[in-house]
Structure formats: C-alpha cells, structure tokens
Amino acid sequence: MEGILNSFVPNTCATPAGIFATQDEDLGFECVPIALMEKVVTFLNYVRDDLRCSMAKDVVTIKNESLTSGEMCNGLMEVPVMANQEKLPSQSSMDFQKKISLSKHEMQEKNAISFLSFLDLYKPLLEMEKEDQLLNQVLQSRNMAIQNIRASRQHIIVVASLLDRIPNLAGLARTCEVFKAAGLAIADASVVHDKQFQLISVTAEKWVPILEVPVNSMKVFLEKKKREGFSILGLEQTANSVPLNQFAFPKKTVLVLGREKEGIPVDIIHVLDACVEIPQFGVVRSLNVHVSGAIAIWEYTRQQQSVQS
C-alpha cells in the first residue's frame, strides 16, 4: 500500500480514471487498464451529449406546443379576462424558479422532521451512554471484588528464589493462588511469560502477587520481613527441625523453600527463626519441593482456619 499511497495525486486521482487506474508500474498492482477507462469516459461523454440533444429537442417541442395552443385559442374563441386577474408573463411555460422557497408551515414541518431525525440519531447515543454506565458499574464491582480478594489473603509469603525448574515454580504459583497466599517470591519474574509455566499455573500468576527476589538478595528480603513482624521459617530436614504436625504456625509467616536437590544453603538457614519438616515413613525419604511446599501451605491454612472458627 505504501507505493500506491506515494503515487496518489489528489488532482488526478479524483477522477474515475485516476481512482481505478492510477498505479505505480514498478509495484505490479492489478488495476483497471487505462484503455478500458478511456472507453468508459468516452461512453459517458457520448451519453451526456445525447442527453443534451434530447433536452434541447424537448425544449423546442414544448415551445411549439405552447405556440400552437395559443393560436388555436385566438382562432376559435376569445377568452375573457377578469378585472382582478393578473396577466401571466411571456414564456410562462418555459420560465420557472429553480430555487424552492418553503412556506412557514412547510418550514415548521421540516424542522419537526429534522428534530425527529435528531431524536432517532440521539437514541443510539442514549443507549450507548446506558451501556457505558452499566460497564462502569461492572468494572467497579470487579475492582471491589479484586480488593476484597486481596484483603482476604492469608499472611504467608512463600520464597522460592532457590528453585529453577519451571514446573515447580508454576505449581507453587497455582498452590499459592488456591490458598490465597500473600505472595510468591521467585528469582526471575519473567519466567511467568514462559509457555510451560502458563500451561501449569493456569493463570495463577495473574492473581497471586509475584515478587522478584534474586538469590543474592534473599538475606536482605528475609531480614526486612523479619523487621515487619514476620516469622522466617524454612522447610528443611535439619537436626533441630520440628515435625510439621507439631509446629504452630505464626499468622505472619515467610516460608523458605530449598533447592530441588541441595535444599536450603547454610547461610540462609542461619537467618531462619525455625525449620519444619514433613514426617516421612517411606524408603525414599524425599518429596518434590512443590509437593512439600503445598503440604506446608495447606497445614498453615488449616491452622489459621481452626483459629478463626
């Protein structure tokens, strides 16, 4: 289209030939051949000339008929002229006023019709305005619902910055959204745009707050949350770990998850207030980190629901 717009010249392209046949030869754009358009223009000119001749013949015919009618009237009978009758101007049958002046009554009717037409045009505008008001109400209701959802979130933040596998991160995002966690901290927030992440999370990242906390910033983030009154807990098997079914979760909790294989590094464990572990009875003695996090989040939710009831 760029080449066609560049070759567009208003003075020449505003004619039938210009509209249909103006083209840039280098583009190879299919247009009506100029020869065909010349034939069309020639035909229109021929028809126009024919119409002019026909109109001229009609004028001569009407003039002759009017003269014949006058001669017949003078020869057969004398038409009396009334005293109050005005004499018609000559060539009255040929002369007429092209501009139509409306009477006062006709002007009122025209104004009424215009007003009705305006109302007909205004009705859709009123309907659109009502639709806009309804849309605003829906948006306000949705915003209030979102605010209520955010206000009803639990006071638990899951820190998964040490995780690097997308299925685990996506599964945790879904679990955090289901149980209305206050947030999910991950090392790189751009992972939420990954197709595999979105397939597993099922839009959970749109509802749960995603916090970007790189691994080298974890200590700063945890210390900040500790100053805000959060208890920093780690889900890890250590010598001092408390079984999950025996641990009472504080209301404001930050739950730190370890790497898929190595777990939580020692330098992060020193920042934790406590460690909890899930009792296990099998031979493998290891759970997937997403599964472990989901179990811990559910136990926190269960305890908070028991306190509220």
Protein backbone atom coordinates (compact mmCIF):
# COMPACT_ATOMS: atom_id res chain seq x y z
CA MET A 1 0.00 0.00 0.00
CA GLU A 2 2.93 2.38 0.56
CA GLY A 3 3.75 2.56 -3.13
CA ILE A 4 0.12 3.22 -4.07
CA LEU A 5 -0.17 5.99 -1.48
CA ASN A 6 3.05 7.56 -2.75
CA SER A 7 1.67 7.63 -6.30
CA PHE A 8 -1.63 9.15 -5.20
CA VAL A 9 -2.11 12.71 -6.50
CA PRO A 10 -5.46 14.25 -5.47
CA ASN A 11 -5.86 16.42 -8.59
CA THR A 12 -5.55 13.47 -10.97
CA CYS A 13 -6.74 10.60 -8.80
CA ALA A 14 -10.13 12.18 -8.01
CA THR A 15 -11.45 11.15 -11.46
CA PRO A 16 -12.80 7.70 -12.39
CA ALA A 17 -9.69 7.00 -14.42
CA GLY A 18 -7.48 8.12 -11.57
CA ILE A 19 -9.34 6.17 -8.90
CA PHE A 20 -9.33 2.89 -10.78
CA ALA A 21 -6.26 3.11 -13.00
CA THR A 22 -3.62 5.20 -11.20
CA GLN A 23 -0.80 2.88 -10.31
CA ASP A 24 2.91 2.54 -9.88
CA GLU A 25 4.27 0.46 -12.71
CA ASP A 26 7.04 -0.93 -10.50
CA LEU A 27 4.56 -2.37 -7.98
CA GLY A 28 2.73 -4.60 -10.44
CA PHE A 29 -0.53 -3.87 -8.61
CA GLU A 30 -3.58 -5.05 -10.56
CA CYS A 31 -5.71 -2.11 -11.67
CA VAL A 32 -8.25 -1.40 -14.36
CA PRO A 33 -6.43 -0.83 -17.68
CA ILE A 34 -6.30 2.80 -18.71
CA ALA A 35 -7.61 1.91 -22.18
CA LEU A 36 -10.75 0.47 -20.65
CA MET A 37 -11.26 3.56 -18.52
CA GLU A 38 -10.89 5.76 -21.60
CA LYS A 39 -13.69 3.78 -23.24
CA VAL A 40 -15.86 4.29 -20.17
CA VAL A 41 -15.19 8.04 -20.17
CA THR A 42 -15.90 8.23 -23.90
CA PHE A 43 -19.16 6.40 -23.38
CA LEU A 44 -20.17 8.75 -20.58
CA ASN A 45 -19.37 11.79 -22.72
CA TYR A 46 -21.41 10.35 -25.58
CA VAL A 47 -24.37 9.71 -23.29
CA ARG A 48 -24.06 13.20 -21.87
CA ASP A 49 -24.08 14.76 -25.35
CA ASP A 50 -27.05 12.62 -26.31
CA LEU A 51 -28.86 13.78 -23.20
CA ARG A 52 -28.18 17.42 -24.05
CA CYS A 53 -29.57 16.96 -27.56
CA SER A 54 -32.65 15.26 -26.16
CA MET A 55 -33.22 18.11 -23.69
CA ALA A 56 -32.85 20.68 -26.50
CA LYS A 57 -35.41 18.82 -28.61
CA ASP A 58 -37.81 18.70 -25.65
CA VAL A 59 -37.49 22.46 -25.18
CA VAL A 60 -38.29 23.12 -28.85
CA THR A 61 -41.24 20.71 -28.71
CA ILE A 62 -42.69 22.35 -25.61
CA LYS A 63 -42.28 25.81 -27.15
CA ASN A 64 -44.02 24.78 -30.38
CA GLU A 65 -46.86 23.18 -28.46
CA SER A 66 -47.39 26.32 -26.41
CA LEU A 67 -47.47 28.49 -29.56
CA THR A 68 -49.92 26.13 -31.25
CA SER A 69 -52.19 26.20 -28.22
CA GLY A 70 -52.19 29.99 -28.25
CA GLU A 71 -53.06 30.20 -31.95
CA MET A 72 -55.91 27.75 -31.52
CA CYS A 73 -57.32 29.77 -28.65
CA ASN A 74 -57.19 33.03 -30.62
CA GLY A 75 -58.84 31.48 -33.69
CA LEU A 76 -61.68 29.60 -32.06
CA MET A 77 -62.78 31.72 -29.18
CA GLU A 78 -61.95 34.81 -27.24
CA VAL A 79 -61.11 34.17 -23.66
CA PRO A 80 -62.49 36.87 -21.34
CA VAL A 81 -60.05 38.48 -18.95
CA MET A 82 -61.24 39.14 -15.41
CA ALA A 83 -60.55 42.50 -13.82
CA ASN A 84 -58.69 41.03 -10.87
CA GLN A 85 -56.74 38.50 -12.94
CA GLU A 86 -53.06 39.21 -13.36
CA LYS A 87 -51.51 38.88 -16.76
CA LEU A 88 -49.10 35.97 -16.97
CA PRO A 89 -45.60 36.81 -18.10
CA SER A 90 -44.50 35.76 -21.54
CA GLN A 91 -42.97 32.33 -21.93
CA SER A 92 -44.54 31.25 -18.64
CA SER A 93 -44.39 27.67 -19.77
CA MET A 94 -40.61 27.93 -20.23
CA ASP A 95 -39.56 30.03 -17.27
CA PHE A 96 -39.56 28.70 -13.73
CA GLN A 97 -37.75 29.34 -10.45
CA LYS A 98 -35.13 26.75 -9.64
CA LYS A 99 -34.77 27.78 -6.00
CA ILE A 100 -37.62 26.42 -3.90
CA SER A 101 -38.75 28.66 -1.03
CA LEU A 102 -40.62 26.83 1.67
CA SER A 103 -43.64 28.33 3.34
CA LYS A 104 -43.80 28.89 7.07
CA HIS A 105 -45.90 25.76 7.55
CA GLU A 106 -43.52 23.72 5.45
CA MET A 107 -40.57 25.07 7.40
CA GLN A 108 -42.23 24.01 10.65
CA GLU A 109 -42.80 20.53 9.23
CA LYS A 110 -39.20 20.40 8.06
CA ASN A 111 -37.95 21.47 11.50
CA ALA A 112 -40.17 18.86 13.12
CA ILE A 113 -38.83 16.19 10.79
CA SER A 114 -35.27 17.33 11.48
CA PHE A 115 -35.93 17.18 15.22
CA LEU A 116 -37.39 13.67 14.89
CA SER A 117 -34.39 12.65 12.83
CA PHE A 118 -32.16 14.10 15.55
CA LEU A 119 -34.04 12.07 18.14
CA ASP A 120 -33.60 8.96 16.02
CA LEU A 121 -29.88 9.65 15.94
CA TYR A 122 -29.82 10.51 19.62
CA LYS A 123 -31.49 7.27 20.77
CA PRO A 124 -28.44 5.14 19.95
CA LEU A 125 -26.32 7.65 21.84
CA LEU A 126 -28.55 7.28 24.88
CA GLU A 127 -28.32 3.51 24.61
CA MET A 128 -24.54 3.76 24.34
CA GLU A 129 -24.47 6.01 27.40
CA LYS A 130 -26.55 3.47 29.34
CA GLU A 131 -24.17 0.72 28.21
CA ASP A 132 -21.21 2.82 29.37
CA GLN A 133 -22.84 3.33 32.75
CA LEU A 134 -23.51 -0.40 33.03
CA LEU A 135 -19.91 -1.13 32.03
CA ASN A 136 -18.65 1.30 34.68
CA GLN A 137 -20.78 -0.45 37.29
CA VAL A 138 -19.41 -3.82 36.23
CA LEU A 139 -15.84 -2.52 36.38
CA GLN A 140 -16.43 -1.00 39.81
CA SER A 141 -17.90 -4.26 41.06
CA ARG A 142 -14.95 -6.16 39.65
CA ASN A 143 -12.46 -3.79 41.27
CA MET A 144 -14.24 -4.14 44.60
CA ALA A 145 -14.19 -7.92 44.24
CA ILE A 146 -10.45 -7.84 43.49
CA GLN A 147 -9.86 -5.60 46.50
CA ASN A 148 -11.86 -7.96 48.68
CA ILE A 149 -9.82 -10.89 47.40
CA ARG A 150 -6.60 -9.07 48.16
CA ALA A 151 -7.84 -8.04 51.59
CA SER A 152 -8.79 -11.64 52.41
CA ARG A 153 -5.34 -13.05 51.57
CA GLN A 154 -3.53 -15.05 54.18
CA HIS A 155 -0.38 -13.64 55.77
CA ILE A 156 2.02 -16.20 54.35
CA ILE A 157 4.74 -15.46 51.80
CA VAL A 158 6.42 -18.34 50.02
CA VAL A 159 10.04 -17.76 48.99
CA ALA A 160 11.03 -19.98 46.06
CA SER A 161 14.03 -18.00 44.80
CA LEU A 162 16.28 -21.06 45.12
CA LEU A 163 14.12 -23.04 42.69
CA ASP A 164 14.98 -23.06 38.99
CA ARG A 165 12.69 -25.66 37.47
CA ILE A 166 9.68 -24.14 35.74
CA PRO A 167 7.16 -26.92 36.61
CA ASN A 168 7.90 -26.49 40.33
CA LEU A 169 7.60 -22.72 40.16
CA ALA A 170 4.36 -22.89 38.18
CA GLY A 171 2.90 -25.48 40.54
CA LEU A 172 3.77 -23.32 43.55
CA ALA A 173 2.15 -20.29 41.91
CA ARG A 174 -1.03 -22.29 41.44
CA THR A 175 -0.94 -23.57 45.03
CA CYS A 176 -0.31 -20.08 46.43
CA GLU A 177 -3.26 -18.72 44.45
CA VAL A 178 -5.58 -21.53 45.57
CA PHE A 179 -4.81 -20.88 49.24
CA LYS A 180 -4.62 -17.07 48.83
CA ALA A 181 -1.02 -16.62 49.85
CA ALA A 182 0.18 -13.05 50.28
CA GLY A 183 2.88 -13.54 47.68
CA LEU A 184 5.31 -15.84 45.90
CA ALA A 185 8.95 -14.75 45.69
CA ILE A 186 10.97 -16.08 42.76
CA ALA A 187 14.42 -15.24 41.42
CA ASP A 188 13.28 -14.07 37.97
CA ALA A 189 9.75 -12.72 37.49
CA SER A 190 9.99 -13.01 33.70
CA VAL A 191 9.50 -16.77 34.00
CA VAL A 192 5.74 -16.16 34.25
CA HIS A 193 5.73 -15.49 30.49
CA ASP A 194 7.09 -18.94 29.71
CA LYS A 195 4.60 -21.16 27.86
CA GLN A 196 5.27 -24.15 30.11
CA PHE A 197 4.80 -22.01 33.21
CA GLN A 198 1.48 -20.65 31.96
CA LEU A 199 0.29 -24.13 30.99
CA ILE A 200 0.81 -25.42 34.54
CA SER A 201 -0.10 -22.29 36.51
CA VAL A 202 -3.46 -21.86 34.71
CA THR A 203 -3.37 -18.02 35.02
CA ALA A 204 -2.49 -18.19 38.73
CA GLU A 205 0.28 -15.62 38.18
CA LYS A 206 -2.39 -13.04 37.35
CA TRP A 207 -3.97 -13.32 40.80
CA VAL A 208 -1.19 -14.10 43.26
CA PRO A 209 1.40 -11.32 43.81
CA ILE A 210 4.70 -12.36 42.22
CA LEU A 211 7.76 -10.90 43.97
CA GLU A 212 11.13 -10.86 42.24
CA VAL A 213 13.79 -11.70 44.83
CA PRO A 214 17.13 -12.80 43.30
CA VAL A 215 19.19 -15.35 45.22
CA ASN A 216 21.81 -12.76 46.20
CA SER A 217 19.03 -10.58 47.68
CA MET A 218 17.33 -13.26 49.76
CA LYS A 219 19.02 -12.34 53.03
CA VAL A 220 18.08 -8.68 52.68
CA PHE A 221 14.49 -9.62 51.83
CA LEU A 222 14.18 -12.04 54.78
CA GLU A 223 15.68 -9.57 57.25
CA LYS A 224 13.28 -6.89 56.01
CA LYS A 225 10.29 -9.18 56.52
CA LYS A 226 11.57 -10.07 59.97
CA ARG A 227 11.56 -6.37 60.88
CA GLU A 228 7.98 -6.19 59.61
CA GLY A 229 6.94 -8.82 62.15
CA PHE A 230 7.09 -11.96 60.02
CA SER A 231 8.46 -15.24 61.32
CA ILE A 232 11.01 -16.69 58.90
CA LEU A 233 10.58 -20.46 58.60
CA GLY A 234 12.43 -22.95 56.43
CA LEU A 235 11.08 -26.22 55.10
CA GLU A 236 14.16 -28.36 55.59
CA GLN A 237 15.35 -31.52 57.33
CA THR A 238 17.85 -30.42 59.97
CA ALA A 239 18.89 -31.65 63.38
CA ASN A 240 16.55 -29.13 65.03
CA SER A 241 13.64 -29.34 62.60
CA VAL A 242 10.16 -29.56 64.14
CA PRO A 243 7.67 -32.03 62.64
CA LEU A 244 5.05 -30.18 60.61
CA ASN A 245 2.15 -31.73 62.53
CA GLN A 246 3.63 -30.47 65.81
CA PHE A 247 4.50 -26.94 64.74
CA ALA A 248 2.19 -23.97 65.38
CA PHE A 249 2.48 -21.53 62.51
CA PRO A 250 2.50 -17.83 63.37
CA LYS A 251 -0.08 -15.77 61.50
CA LYS A 252 2.61 -13.73 59.69
CA THR A 253 4.88 -16.35 58.16
CA VAL A 254 7.56 -16.39 55.48
CA LEU A 255 8.15 -19.93 54.25
CA VAL A 256 11.52 -20.52 52.58
CA LEU A 257 11.90 -23.49 50.22
CA GLY A 258 15.24 -25.03 49.31
CA ARG A 259 16.73 -26.10 46.00
CA GLU A 260 15.47 -29.22 44.28
CA LYS A 261 18.46 -31.32 45.37
CA GLU A 262 20.67 -29.37 47.78
CA GLY A 263 17.92 -27.84 49.90
CA ILE A 264 18.43 -24.58 51.82
CA PRO A 265 22.04 -23.31 51.98
CA VAL A 266 23.66 -22.94 55.37
CA ASP A 267 23.97 -19.16 55.18
CA ILE A 268 20.19 -18.89 54.67
CA ILE A 269 19.47 -21.38 57.48
CA HIS A 270 21.24 -19.04 59.91
CA VAL A 271 18.69 -16.33 59.08
CA LEU A 272 15.70 -18.59 59.78
CA ASP A 273 13.75 -18.49 63.02
CA ALA A 274 12.89 -22.19 62.80
CA CYS A 275 12.85 -25.16 60.44
CA VAL A 276 9.97 -27.56 59.92
CA GLU A 277 9.95 -30.92 58.19
CA ILE A 278 7.24 -33.22 56.89
CA PRO A 279 7.15 -36.60 58.67
CA GLN A 280 8.02 -39.35 56.19
CA PHE A 281 7.73 -43.10 56.56
CA GLY A 282 8.90 -44.49 53.23
CA VAL A 283 12.26 -45.60 51.94
CA VAL A 284 12.95 -42.67 49.59
CA ARG A 285 12.59 -40.06 52.36
CA SER A 286 12.30 -37.23 49.82
CA LEU A 287 9.42 -35.24 48.38
CA ASN A 288 9.28 -32.98 45.38
CA VAL A 289 9.81 -29.38 46.50
CA HIS A 290 6.48 -28.27 45.02
CA VAL A 291 4.68 -31.09 46.83
CA SER A 292 6.47 -30.25 50.08
CA GLY A 293 5.57 -26.58 49.75
CA ALA A 294 1.93 -27.41 49.01
CA ILE A 295 1.70 -29.62 52.11
CA ALA A 296 3.22 -26.91 54.32
CA ILE A 297 0.94 -24.20 52.87
CA TRP A 298 -2.10 -26.38 53.47
CA GLU A 299 -1.06 -27.06 57.10
CA TYR A 300 -0.65 -23.31 57.64
CA THR A 301 -4.11 -22.72 56.11
CA ARG A 302 -5.67 -25.47 58.23
CA GLN A 303 -4.30 -24.00 61.42
CA GLN A 304 -5.43 -20.47 60.52
CA GLN A 305 -8.94 -21.74 59.67
CA SER A 306 -9.09 -23.55 63.02
CA VAL A 307 -8.15 -20.36 64.87
CA GLN A 308 -10.83 -18.35 63.03
CA SER A 309 -13.57 -20.89 63.68
